[in-house]
PDB file of all heavy atoms in Angstrom:
ATOM      1  N   LEU A   1       5.834   1.815  -0.243  1.00  0.00           N
ATOM      2  CA  LEU A   1       5.616   1.508  -1.666  1.00  0.00           C
ATOM      3  C   LEU A   1       6.918   1.509  -2.450  1.00  0.00           C
ATOM      4  O   LEU A   1       7.021   0.873  -3.502  1.00  0.00           O
ATOM      5  CB  LEU A   1       4.655   2.521  -2.287  1.00  0.00           C
ATOM      6  CG  LEU A   1       3.223   2.388  -1.877  1.00  0.00           C
ATOM      7  CD1 LEU A   1       2.345   3.498  -2.491  1.00  0.00           C
ATOM      8  CD2 LEU A   1       2.656   1.018  -2.273  1.00  0.00           C
ATOM      9  N   GLY A   2       7.896   2.242  -1.981  1.00  0.00           N
ATOM     10  CA  GLY A   2       9.154   2.370  -2.754  1.00  0.00           C
ATOM     11  C   GLY A   2       9.059   3.377  -3.856  1.00  0.00           C
ATOM     12  O   GLY A   2       9.917   3.383  -4.775  1.00  0.00           O
ATOM     13  N   CYS A   3       8.019   4.206  -3.854  1.00  0.00           N
ATOM     14  CA  CYS A   3       7.887   5.287  -4.818  1.00  0.00           C
ATOM     15  C   CYS A   3       6.980   6.359  -4.237  1.00  0.00           C
ATOM     16  O   CYS A   3       6.243   6.080  -3.271  1.00  0.00           O
ATOM     17  CB  CYS A   3       7.368   4.791  -6.178  1.00  0.00           C
ATOM     18  SG  CYS A   3       5.691   4.033  -6.137  1.00  0.00           S
ATOM     19  N   ASP A   4       7.028   7.519  -4.794  1.00  0.00           N
ATOM     20  CA  ASP A   4       6.314   8.660  -4.244  1.00  0.00           C
ATOM     21  C   ASP A   4       5.048   8.935  -5.040  1.00  0.00           C
ATOM     22  O   ASP A   4       5.063   9.558  -6.096  1.00  0.00           O
ATOM     23  CB  ASP A   4       7.198   9.906  -4.277  1.00  0.00           C
ATOM     24  CG  ASP A   4       6.598  11.110  -3.566  1.00  0.00           C
ATOM     25  OD1 ASP A   4       5.412  11.083  -3.239  1.00  0.00           O
ATOM     26  OD2 ASP A   4       7.341  12.088  -3.370  1.00  0.00           O
ATOM     27  N   ILE A   5       3.892   8.447  -4.536  1.00  0.00           N
ATOM     28  CA  ILE A   5       2.655   8.570  -5.265  1.00  0.00           C
ATOM     29  C   ILE A   5       2.065   9.962  -5.231  1.00  0.00           C
ATOM     30  O   ILE A   5       1.037  10.239  -5.850  1.00  0.00           O
ATOM     31  CB  ILE A   5       1.596   7.521  -4.773  1.00  0.00           C
ATOM     32  CG1 ILE A   5       1.187   7.781  -3.349  1.00  0.00           C
ATOM     33  CG2 ILE A   5       2.089   6.092  -5.037  1.00  0.00           C
ATOM     34  CD1 ILE A   5      -0.011   7.029  -2.902  1.00  0.00           C
ATOM     35  N   SER A   6       2.744  10.898  -4.608  1.00  0.00           N
ATOM     36  CA  SER A   6       2.295  12.302  -4.634  1.00  0.00           C
ATOM     37  C   SER A   6       2.687  12.992  -5.947  1.00  0.00           C
ATOM     38  O   SER A   6       2.215  14.076  -6.205  1.00  0.00           O
ATOM     39  CB  SER A   6       2.883  13.101  -3.450  1.00  0.00           C
ATOM     40  OG  SER A   6       4.262  13.309  -3.593  1.00  0.00           O
ATOM     41  N   THR A   7       3.515  12.316  -6.729  1.00  0.00           N
ATOM     42  CA  THR A   7       3.914  12.843  -8.029  1.00  0.00           C
ATOM     43  C   THR A   7       3.240  12.026  -9.118  1.00  0.00           C
ATOM     44  O   THR A   7       2.974  10.824  -8.920  1.00  0.00           O
ATOM     45  CB  THR A   7       5.406  12.797  -8.256  1.00  0.00           C
ATOM     46  OG1 THR A   7       5.841  11.414  -8.370  1.00  0.00           O
ATOM     47  CG2 THR A   7       6.156  13.465  -7.102  1.00  0.00           C
ATOM     48  N   PRO A   8       2.952  12.620 -10.278  1.00  0.00           N
ATOM     49  CA  PRO A   8       2.352  11.838 -11.347  1.00  0.00           C
ATOM     50  C   PRO A   8       3.230  10.661 -11.801  1.00  0.00           C
ATOM     51  O   PRO A   8       2.715   9.574 -12.072  1.00  0.00           O
ATOM     52  CB  PRO A   8       2.219  12.839 -12.537  1.00  0.00           C
ATOM     53  CG  PRO A   8       2.178  14.158 -11.833  1.00  0.00           C
ATOM     54  CD  PRO A   8       3.034  14.051 -10.639  1.00  0.00           C
ATOM     55  N   GLU A   9       4.519  10.882 -11.770  1.00  0.00           N
ATOM     56  CA  GLU A   9       5.453   9.789 -12.130  1.00  0.00           C
ATOM     57  C   GLU A   9       5.394   8.644 -11.157  1.00  0.00           C
ATOM     58  O   GLU A   9       5.347   7.482 -11.531  1.00  0.00           O
ATOM     59  CB  GLU A   9       6.879  10.298 -12.272  1.00  0.00           C
ATOM     60  CG  GLU A   9       7.083  11.404 -13.262  1.00  0.00           C
ATOM     61  CD  GLU A   9       6.625  12.789 -12.797  1.00  0.00           C
ATOM     62  OE1 GLU A   9       6.526  13.019 -11.561  1.00  0.00           O
ATOM     63  OE2 GLU A   9       6.379  13.643 -13.678  1.00  0.00           O
ATOM     64  N   GLY A  10       5.431   8.987  -9.869  1.00  0.00           N
ATOM     65  CA  GLY A  10       5.396   7.978  -8.841  1.00  0.00           C
ATOM     66  C   GLY A  10       4.075   7.204  -8.805  1.00  0.00           C
ATOM     67  O   GLY A  10       4.053   5.997  -8.655  1.00  0.00           O
ATOM     68  N   LEU A  11       2.984   7.935  -8.984  1.00  0.00           N
ATOM     69  CA  LEU A  11       1.656   7.307  -9.033  1.00  0.00           C
ATOM     70  C   LEU A  11       1.601   6.370 -10.250  1.00  0.00           C
ATOM     71  O   LEU A  11       1.116   5.238 -10.116  1.00  0.00           O
ATOM     72  CB  LEU A  11       0.580   8.336  -9.118  1.00  0.00           C
ATOM     73  CG  LEU A  11      -0.859   7.839  -9.111  1.00  0.00           C
ATOM     74  CD1 LEU A  11      -1.196   6.998  -7.872  1.00  0.00           C
ATOM     75  CD2 LEU A  11      -1.834   9.026  -9.202  1.00  0.00           C
ATOM     76  N   GLY A  12       2.117   6.823 -11.336  1.00  0.00           N
ATOM     77  CA  GLY A  12       2.156   5.948 -12.535  1.00  0.00           C
ATOM     78  C   GLY A  12       2.991   4.712 -12.334  1.00  0.00           C
ATOM     79  O   GLY A  12       2.577   3.586 -12.722  1.00  0.00           O
ATOM     80  N   GLU A  13       4.093   4.877 -11.657  1.00  0.00           N
ATOM     81  CA  GLU A  13       4.960   3.732 -11.367  1.00  0.00           C
ATOM     82  C   GLU A  13       4.208   2.752 -10.446  1.00  0.00           C
ATOM     83  O   GLU A  13       4.298   1.509 -10.656  1.00  0.00           O
ATOM     84  CB  GLU A  13       6.231   4.212 -10.709  1.00  0.00           C
ATOM     85  CG  GLU A  13       7.161   3.060 -10.298  1.00  0.00           C
ATOM     86  CD  GLU A  13       8.427   3.515  -9.538  1.00  0.00           C
ATOM     87  OE1 GLU A  13       8.714   4.717  -9.492  1.00  0.00           O
ATOM     88  OE2 GLU A  13       9.062   2.617  -8.959  1.00  0.00           O
ATOM     89  N   ALA A  14       3.562   3.262  -9.420  1.00  0.00           N
ATOM     90  CA  ALA A  14       2.854   2.379  -8.478  1.00  0.00           C
ATOM     91  C   ALA A  14       1.760   1.590  -9.217  1.00  0.00           C
ATOM     92  O   ALA A  14       1.592   0.383  -8.966  1.00  0.00           O
ATOM     93  CB  ALA A  14       2.225   3.178  -7.336  1.00  0.00           C
ATOM     94  N   ARG A  15       1.064   2.302 -10.117  1.00  0.00           N
ATOM     95  CA  ARG A  15       0.023   1.555 -10.874  1.00  0.00           C
ATOM     96  C   ARG A  15       0.608   0.561 -11.826  1.00  0.00           C
ATOM     97  O   ARG A  15       0.097  -0.565 -11.962  1.00  0.00           O
ATOM     98  CB  ARG A  15      -0.835   2.598 -11.596  1.00  0.00           C
ATOM     99  CG  ARG A  15      -1.724   3.385 -10.653  1.00  0.00           C
ATOM    100  CD  ARG A  15      -2.535   4.459 -11.352  1.00  0.00           C
ATOM    101  NE  ARG A  15      -3.469   5.070 -10.424  1.00  0.00           N
ATOM    102  CZ  ARG A  15      -3.980   6.293 -10.609  1.00  0.00           C
ATOM    103  NH1 ARG A  15      -3.656   7.016 -11.670  1.00  0.00           N
ATOM    104  NH2 ARG A  15      -4.826   6.786  -9.740  1.00  0.00           N
ATOM    105  N   GLU A  16       1.663   0.970 -12.497  1.00  0.00           N
ATOM    106  CA  GLU A  16       2.317   0.086 -13.473  1.00  0.00           C
ATOM    107  C   GLU A  16       2.833  -1.171 -12.825  1.00  0.00           C
ATOM    108  O   GLU A  16       2.748  -2.268 -13.359  1.00  0.00           O
ATOM    109  CB  GLU A  16       3.455   0.816 -14.202  1.00  0.00           C
ATOM    110  CG  GLU A  16       4.152   0.004 -15.273  1.00  0.00           C
ATOM    111  CD  GLU A  16       5.239   0.803 -15.929  1.00  0.00           C
ATOM    112  OE1 GLU A  16       4.947   1.933 -16.371  1.00  0.00           O
ATOM    113  OE2 GLU A  16       6.383   0.336 -15.961  1.00  0.00           O
ATOM    114  N   ARG A  17       3.408  -1.005 -11.634  1.00  0.00           N
ATOM    115  CA  ARG A  17       3.982  -2.159 -10.917  1.00  0.00           C
ATOM    116  C   ARG A  17       2.943  -2.870 -10.032  1.00  0.00           C
ATOM    117  O   ARG A  17       3.259  -3.825  -9.327  1.00  0.00           O
ATOM    118  CB  ARG A  17       5.147  -1.661 -10.033  1.00  0.00           C
ATOM    119  CG  ARG A  17       6.325  -1.191 -10.825  1.00  0.00           C
ATOM    120  CD  ARG A  17       7.459  -0.614  -9.998  1.00  0.00           C
ATOM    121  NE  ARG A  17       7.862  -1.488  -8.933  1.00  0.00           N
ATOM    122  CZ  ARG A  17       8.435  -1.067  -7.790  1.00  0.00           C
ATOM    123  NH1 ARG A  17       8.692   0.245  -7.621  1.00  0.00           N
ATOM    124  NH2 ARG A  17       8.755  -1.905  -6.831  1.00  0.00           N
ATOM    125  N   ASP A  18       1.660  -2.423 -10.069  1.00  0.00           N
ATOM    126  CA  ASP A  18       0.560  -2.978  -9.342  1.00  0.00           C
ATOM    127  C   ASP A  18       0.849  -3.027  -7.834  1.00  0.00           C
ATOM    128  O   ASP A  18       0.464  -3.988  -7.162  1.00  0.00           O
ATOM    129  CB  ASP A  18       0.246  -4.387  -9.881  1.00  0.00           C
ATOM    130  CG  ASP A  18      -1.202  -4.776  -9.693  1.00  0.00           C
ATOM    131  OD1 ASP A  18      -2.052  -3.894  -9.402  1.00  0.00           O
ATOM    132  OD2 ASP A  18      -1.497  -5.943  -9.842  1.00  0.00           O
ATOM    133  N   LEU A  19       1.478  -1.972  -7.322  1.00  0.00           N
ATOM    134  CA  LEU A  19       1.873  -1.954  -5.914  1.00  0.00           C
ATOM    135  C   LEU A  19       0.696  -1.877  -4.954  1.00  0.00           C
ATOM    136  O   LEU A  19       0.785  -2.422  -3.870  1.00  0.00           O
ATOM    137  CB  LEU A  19       2.802  -0.760  -5.670  1.00  0.00           C
ATOM    138  CG  LEU A  19       4.170  -0.824  -6.369  1.00  0.00           C
ATOM    139  CD1 LEU A  19       4.984   0.457  -6.092  1.00  0.00           C
ATOM    140  CD2 LEU A  19       4.944  -2.091  -5.942  1.00  0.00           C
ATOM    141  N   PHE A  20      -0.374  -1.247  -5.369  1.00  0.00           N
ATOM    142  CA  PHE A  20      -1.539  -1.161  -4.490  1.00  0.00           C
ATOM    143  C   PHE A  20      -2.080  -2.550  -4.199  1.00  0.00           C
ATOM    144  O   PHE A  20      -2.415  -2.868  -3.046  1.00  0.00           O
ATOM    145  CB  PHE A  20      -2.609  -0.217  -5.071  1.00  0.00           C
ATOM    146  CG  PHE A  20      -2.116   1.171  -5.279  1.00  0.00           C
ATOM    147  CD1 PHE A  20      -2.045   1.730  -6.584  1.00  0.00           C
ATOM    148  CD2 PHE A  20      -1.679   1.933  -4.221  1.00  0.00           C
ATOM    149  CE1 PHE A  20      -1.570   2.989  -6.788  1.00  0.00           C
ATOM    150  CE2 PHE A  20      -1.195   3.244  -4.423  1.00  0.00           C
ATOM    151  CZ  PHE A  20      -1.135   3.770  -5.725  1.00  0.00           C
ATOM    152  N   LYS A  21      -2.129  -3.390  -5.217  1.00  0.00           N
ATOM    153  CA  LYS A  21      -2.567  -4.778  -4.967  1.00  0.00           C
ATOM    154  C   LYS A  21      -1.453  -5.628  -4.352  1.00  0.00           C
ATOM    155  O   LYS A  21      -1.752  -6.365  -3.413  1.00  0.00           O
ATOM    156  CB  LYS A  21      -2.988  -5.377  -6.329  1.00  0.00           C
ATOM    157  CG  LYS A  21      -3.498  -6.821  -6.177  1.00  0.00           C
ATOM    158  CD  LYS A  21      -3.959  -7.356  -7.510  1.00  0.00           C
ATOM    159  CE  LYS A  21      -4.495  -8.778  -7.333  1.00  0.00           C
ATOM    160  NZ  LYS A  21      -4.929  -9.386  -8.586  1.00  0.00           N
ATOM    161  N   MET A  22      -0.243  -5.461  -4.827  1.00  0.00           N
ATOM    162  CA  MET A  22       0.825  -6.342  -4.361  1.00  0.00           C
ATOM    163  C   MET A  22       1.287  -6.005  -2.934  1.00  0.00           C
ATOM    164  O   MET A  22       1.711  -6.947  -2.188  1.00  0.00           O
ATOM    165  CB  MET A  22       2.046  -6.237  -5.306  1.00  0.00           C
ATOM    166  CG  MET A  22       1.720  -6.587  -6.697  1.00  0.00           C
ATOM    167  SD  MET A  22       1.083  -8.283  -6.905  1.00  0.00           S
ATOM    168  CE  MET A  22       2.467  -9.227  -6.379  1.00  0.00           C
ATOM    169  N   ARG A  23       1.183  -4.792  -2.467  1.00  0.00           N
ATOM    170  CA  ARG A  23       1.627  -4.393  -1.181  1.00  0.00           C
ATOM    171  C   ARG A  23       0.516  -3.920  -0.236  1.00  0.00           C
ATOM    172  O   ARG A  23       0.396  -4.319   0.886  1.00  0.00           O
ATOM    173  CB  ARG A  23       2.741  -3.324  -1.244  1.00  0.00           C
ATOM    174  CG  ARG A  23       3.987  -3.856  -1.924  1.00  0.00           C
ATOM    175  CD  ARG A  23       5.094  -2.879  -1.833  1.00  0.00           C
ATOM    176  NE  ARG A  23       6.226  -3.374  -2.623  1.00  0.00           N
ATOM    177  CZ  ARG A  23       7.342  -2.663  -2.756  1.00  0.00           C
ATOM    178  NH1 ARG A  23       7.493  -1.473  -2.241  1.00  0.00           N
ATOM    179  NH2 ARG A  23       8.313  -3.193  -3.506  1.00  0.00           N
ATOM    180  N   CYS A  24      -0.275  -2.973  -0.763  1.00  0.00           N
ATOM    181  CA  CYS A  24      -1.254  -2.290   0.112  1.00  0.00           C
ATOM    182  C   CYS A  24      -2.317  -3.243   0.648  1.00  0.00           C
ATOM    183  O   CYS A  24      -2.782  -3.051   1.812  1.00  0.00           O
ATOM    184  CB  CYS A  24      -1.898  -1.139  -0.618  1.00  0.00           C
ATOM    185  SG  CYS A  24      -0.695   0.167  -1.088  1.00  0.00           S
ATOM    186  N   ARG A  25      -2.684  -4.229  -0.090  1.00  0.00           N
ATOM    187  CA  ARG A  25      -3.689  -5.215   0.411  1.00  0.00           C
ATOM    188  C   ARG A  25      -3.191  -5.820   1.711  1.00  0.00           C
ATOM    189  O   ARG A  25      -3.959  -6.006   2.671  1.00  0.00           O
ATOM    190  CB  ARG A  25      -3.973  -6.290  -0.606  1.00  0.00           C
ATOM    191  CG  ARG A  25      -4.724  -5.788  -1.808  1.00  0.00           C
ATOM    192  CD  ARG A  25      -4.894  -6.917  -2.848  1.00  0.00           C
ATOM    193  NE  ARG A  25      -6.172  -7.623  -2.606  1.00  0.00           N
ATOM    194  CZ  ARG A  25      -6.263  -8.863  -2.202  1.00  0.00           C
ATOM    195  NH1 ARG A  25      -5.223  -9.603  -2.050  1.00  0.00           N
ATOM    196  NH2 ARG A  25      -7.465  -9.367  -2.014  1.00  0.00           N
ATOM    197  N   GLN A  26      -1.902  -6.152   1.775  1.00  0.00           N
ATOM    198  CA  GLN A  26      -1.345  -6.766   3.020  1.00  0.00           C
ATOM    199  C   GLN A  26      -1.284  -5.713   4.143  1.00  0.00           C
ATOM    200  O   GLN A  26      -1.566  -6.039   5.307  1.00  0.00           O
ATOM    201  CB  GLN A  26       0.047  -7.341   2.758  1.00  0.00           C
ATOM    202  CG  GLN A  26       0.558  -8.136   3.937  1.00  0.00           C
ATOM    203  CD  GLN A  26      -0.311  -9.345   4.266  1.00  0.00           C
ATOM    204  OE1 GLN A  26      -0.622 -10.142   3.336  1.00  0.00           O
ATOM    205  NE2 GLN A  26      -0.706  -9.525   5.502  1.00  0.00           N
ATOM    206  N   TYR A  27      -0.952  -4.481   3.797  1.00  0.00           N
ATOM    207  CA  TYR A  27      -0.934  -3.414   4.825  1.00  0.00           C
ATOM    208  C   TYR A  27      -2.334  -3.225   5.404  1.00  0.00           C
ATOM    209  O   TYR A  27      -2.450  -3.013   6.600  1.00  0.00           O
ATOM    210  CB  TYR A  27      -0.418  -2.114   4.241  1.00  0.00           C
ATOM    211  CG  TYR A  27       0.995  -2.195   3.636  1.00  0.00           C
ATOM    212  CD1 TYR A  27       1.302  -1.374   2.551  1.00  0.00           C
ATOM    213  CD2 TYR A  27       1.923  -3.045   4.132  1.00  0.00           C
ATOM    214  CE1 TYR A  27       2.569  -1.420   1.983  1.00  0.00           C
ATOM    215  CE2 TYR A  27       3.219  -3.102   3.549  1.00  0.00           C
ATOM    216  CZ  TYR A  27       3.525  -2.290   2.495  1.00  0.00           C
ATOM    217  OH  TYR A  27       4.748  -2.328   1.920  1.00  0.00           O
ATOM    218  N   VAL A  28      -3.349  -3.265   4.566  1.00  0.00           N
ATOM    219  CA  VAL A  28      -4.706  -3.135   5.039  1.00  0.00           C
ATOM    220  C   VAL A  28      -5.047  -4.254   5.994  1.00  0.00           C
ATOM    221  O   VAL A  28      -5.540  -4.028   7.104  1.00  0.00           O
ATOM    222  CB  VAL A  28      -5.715  -3.107   3.833  1.00  0.00           C
ATOM    223  CG1 VAL A  28      -7.147  -3.318   4.271  1.00  0.00           C
ATOM    224  CG2 VAL A  28      -5.572  -1.794   3.036  1.00  0.00           C
ATOM    225  N   ARG A  29      -4.790  -5.474   5.614  1.00  0.00           N
ATOM    226  CA  ARG A  29      -5.064  -6.645   6.427  1.00  0.00           C
ATOM    227  C   ARG A  29      -4.328  -6.577   7.754  1.00  0.00           C
ATOM    228  O   ARG A  29      -4.918  -6.734   8.831  1.00  0.00           O
ATOM    229  CB  ARG A  29      -4.669  -7.940   5.695  1.00  0.00           C
ATOM    230  CG  ARG A  29      -4.873  -9.217   6.554  1.00  0.00           C
ATOM    231  CD  ARG A  29      -4.610 -10.448   5.777  1.00  0.00           C
ATOM    232  NE  ARG A  29      -5.535 -10.622   4.676  1.00  0.00           N
ATOM    233  CZ  ARG A  29      -6.822 -10.975   4.798  1.00  0.00           C
ATOM    234  NH1 ARG A  29      -7.347 -11.194   5.970  1.00  0.00           N
ATOM    235  NH2 ARG A  29      -7.615 -11.103   3.704  1.00  0.00           N
ATOM    236  N   ASP A  30      -3.053  -6.285   7.685  1.00  0.00           N
ATOM    237  CA  ASP A  30      -2.248  -6.220   8.909  1.00  0.00           C
ATOM    238  C   ASP A  30      -2.707  -5.118   9.837  1.00  0.00           C
ATOM    239  O   ASP A  30      -2.732  -5.283  11.055  1.00  0.00           O
ATOM    240  CB  ASP A  30      -0.754  -6.044   8.610  1.00  0.00           C
ATOM    241  CG  ASP A  30      -0.102  -7.308   8.048  1.00  0.00           C
ATOM    242  OD1 ASP A  30      -0.748  -8.386   8.038  1.00  0.00           O
ATOM    243  OD2 ASP A  30       1.037  -7.232   7.635  1.00  0.00           O
ATOM    244  N   ALA A  31      -3.068  -3.979   9.323  1.00  0.00           N
ATOM    245  CA  ALA A  31      -3.514  -2.876  10.160  1.00  0.00           C
ATOM    246  C   ALA A  31      -4.738  -3.227  10.965  1.00  0.00           C
ATOM    247  O   ALA A  31      -4.798  -3.043  12.172  1.00  0.00           O
ATOM    248  CB  ALA A  31      -3.791  -1.646   9.316  1.00  0.00           C
ATOM    249  N   VAL A  32      -5.695  -3.863  10.328  1.00  0.00           N
ATOM    250  CA  VAL A  32      -6.928  -4.293  11.004  1.00  0.00           C
ATOM    251  C   VAL A  32      -6.594  -5.363  12.011  1.00  0.00           C
ATOM    252  O   VAL A  32      -7.073  -5.325  13.178  1.00  0.00           O
ATOM    253  CB  VAL A  32      -8.013  -4.774  10.049  1.00  0.00           C
ATOM    254  CG1 VAL A  32      -9.201  -5.374  10.780  1.00  0.00           C
ATOM    255  CG2 VAL A  32      -8.453  -3.617   9.114  1.00  0.00           C
ATOM    256  N   GLU A  33      -5.774  -6.320  11.641  1.00  0.00           N
ATOM    257  CA  GLU A  33      -5.440  -7.407  12.597  1.00  0.00           C
ATOM    258  C   GLU A  33      -4.641  -6.861  13.850  1.00  0.00           C
ATOM    259  O   GLU A  33      -4.962  -7.297  14.934  1.00  0.00           O
ATOM    260  CB  GLU A  33      -4.569  -8.488  11.911  1.00  0.00           C
ATOM    261  CG  GLU A  33      -5.439  -9.285  10.927  1.00  0.00           C
ATOM    262  CD  GLU A  33      -4.605 -10.300  10.133  1.00  0.00           C
ATOM    263  OE1 GLU A  33      -3.366 -10.289  10.237  1.00  0.00           O
ATOM    264  OE2 GLU A  33      -5.238 -11.075   9.404  1.00  0.00           O
ATOM    265  N   ILE A  34      -3.801  -5.887  13.611  1.00  0.00           N
ATOM    266  CA  ILE A  34      -3.051  -5.332  14.769  1.00  0.00           C
ATOM    267  C   ILE A  34      -4.011  -4.556  15.658  1.00  0.00           C
ATOM    268  O   ILE A  34      -3.951  -4.703  16.899  1.00  0.00           O
ATOM    269  CB  ILE A  34      -1.889  -4.389  14.263  1.00  0.00           C
ATOM    270  CG1 ILE A  34      -0.845  -5.234  13.531  1.00  0.00           C
ATOM    271  CG2 ILE A  34      -1.293  -3.649  15.407  1.00  0.00           C
ATOM    272  CD1 ILE A  34       0.146  -4.380  12.740  1.00  0.00           C
ATOM    273  N   VAL A  35      -4.895  -3.770  15.091  1.00  0.00           N
ATOM    274  CA  VAL A  35      -5.885  -3.023  15.892  1.00  0.00           C
ATOM    275  C   VAL A  35      -6.744  -3.957  16.696  1.00  0.00           C
ATOM    276  O   VAL A  35      -6.914  -3.792  17.906  1.00  0.00           O
ATOM    277  CB  VAL A  35      -6.781  -2.120  15.015  1.00  0.00           C
ATOM    278  CG1 VAL A  35      -7.978  -1.564  15.808  1.00  0.00           C
ATOM    279  CG2 VAL A  35      -6.008  -0.959  14.428  1.00  0.00           C
ATOM    280  N   GLU A  36      -7.263  -4.996  16.028  1.00  0.00           N
ATOM    281  CA  GLU A  36      -8.093  -5.968  16.764  1.00  0.00           C
ATOM    282  C   GLU A  36      -7.353  -6.659  17.898  1.00  0.00           C
ATOM    283  O   GLU A  36      -7.837  -6.814  18.985  1.00  0.00           O
ATOM    284  CB  GLU A  36      -8.610  -7.035  15.796  1.00  0.00           C
ATOM    285  CG  GLU A  36      -9.694  -6.517  14.888  1.00  0.00           C
ATOM    286  CD  GLU A  36     -10.297  -7.657  14.031  1.00  0.00           C
ATOM    287  OE1 GLU A  36      -9.490  -8.433  13.469  1.00  0.00           O
ATOM    288  OE2 GLU A  36     -11.521  -7.714  13.949  1.00  0.00           O
ATOM    289  N   GLU A  37      -6.076  -7.023  17.584  1.00  0.00           N
ATOM    290  CA  GLU A  37      -5.261  -7.653  18.659  1.00  0.00           C
ATOM    291  C   GLU A  37      -5.048  -6.746  19.816  1.00  0.00           C
ATOM    292  O   GLU A  37      -5.201  -7.158  20.974  1.00  0.00           O
ATOM    293  CB  GLU A  37      -3.942  -8.111  18.001  1.00  0.00           C
ATOM    294  CG  GLU A  37      -2.961  -8.728  18.987  1.00  0.00           C
ATOM    295  CD  GLU A  37      -1.657  -9.045  18.343  1.00  0.00           C
ATOM    296  OE1 GLU A  37      -1.654  -9.697  17.285  1.00  0.00           O
ATOM    297  OE2 GLU A  37      -0.609  -8.606  18.841  1.00  0.00           O
ATOM    298  N   ILE A  38      -4.652  -5.530  19.560  1.00  0.00           N
ATOM    299  CA  ILE A  38      -4.382  -4.567  20.625  1.00  0.00           C
ATOM    300  C   ILE A  38      -5.635  -4.255  21.431  1.00  0.00           C
ATOM    301  O   ILE A  38      -5.630  -4.265  22.668  1.00  0.00           O
ATOM    302  CB  ILE A  38      -3.766  -3.244  20.046  1.00  0.00           C
ATOM    303  CG1 ILE A  38      -2.334  -3.516  19.542  1.00  0.00           C
ATOM    304  CG2 ILE A  38      -3.761  -2.186  21.115  1.00  0.00           C
ATOM    305  CD1 ILE A  38      -1.685  -2.381  18.774  1.00  0.00           C
ATOM    306  N   LEU A  39      -6.725  -3.975  20.741  1.00  0.00           N
ATOM    307  CA  LEU A  39      -7.970  -3.583  21.451  1.00  0.00           C
ATOM    308  C   LEU A  39      -8.573  -4.743  22.182  1.00  0.00           C
ATOM    309  O   LEU A  39      -9.205  -4.570  23.237  1.00  0.00           O
ATOM    310  CB  LEU A  39      -8.955  -2.949  20.471  1.00  0.00           C
ATOM    311  CG  LEU A  39      -8.543  -1.595  19.940  1.00  0.00           C
ATOM    312  CD1 LEU A  39      -9.628  -1.061  18.979  1.00  0.00           C
ATOM    313  CD2 LEU A  39      -8.180  -0.615  21.003  1.00  0.00           C
TER     314      LEU A  39
END
Protein backbone atom coordinates (compact mmCIF):
# COMPACT_ATOMS: atom_id res chain seq x y z
CA LEU A 1 0.00 0.00 0.00
CA GLY A 2 2.87 2.37 0.62
CA CYS A 3 1.43 3.34 4.01
CA ASP A 4 0.89 1.70 7.37
CA ILE A 5 -2.82 1.06 7.89
CA SER A 6 -2.17 -0.13 11.45
CA THR A 7 -2.03 3.54 12.45
CA PRO A 8 -4.97 5.98 12.29
CA GLU A 9 -2.89 8.27 10.07
CA GLY A 10 -1.93 5.49 7.67
CA LEU A 11 -5.47 4.16 7.50
CA GLY A 12 -6.71 7.67 6.80
CA GLU A 13 -4.12 8.09 4.07
CA ALA A 14 -5.09 4.79 2.45
CA ARG A 15 -8.74 5.79 2.46
CA GLU A 16 -8.03 9.30 1.23
CA ARG A 17 -5.90 8.00 -1.63
CA ASP A 18 -8.48 5.24 -2.34
CA LEU A 19 -5.72 2.62 -2.14
CA PHE A 20 -8.04 -0.23 -1.24
CA LYS A 21 -9.85 0.22 -4.55
CA MET A 22 -6.84 1.30 -6.58
CA ARG A 23 -4.46 -1.44 -5.41
CA CYS A 24 -6.13 -4.08 -3.28
CA ARG A 25 -8.73 -5.05 -5.88
CA GLN A 26 -5.88 -6.16 -8.15
CA TYR A 27 -4.14 -8.01 -5.30
CA VAL A 28 -7.39 -9.88 -4.61
CA ARG A 29 -7.79 -10.83 -8.28
CA ASP A 30 -4.17 -11.89 -8.67
CA ALA A 31 -4.19 -13.96 -5.47
CA VAL A 32 -7.15 -16.03 -6.64
CA GLU A 33 -5.74 -16.41 -10.15
CA ILE A 34 -2.37 -17.57 -8.80
CA VAL A 35 -4.00 -20.09 -6.45
CA GLU A 36 -6.17 -21.45 -9.24
CA GLU A 37 -3.19 -21.71 -11.59
CA ILE A 38 -1.01 -23.49 -9.04
CA LEU A 39 -3.71 -25.87 -7.83
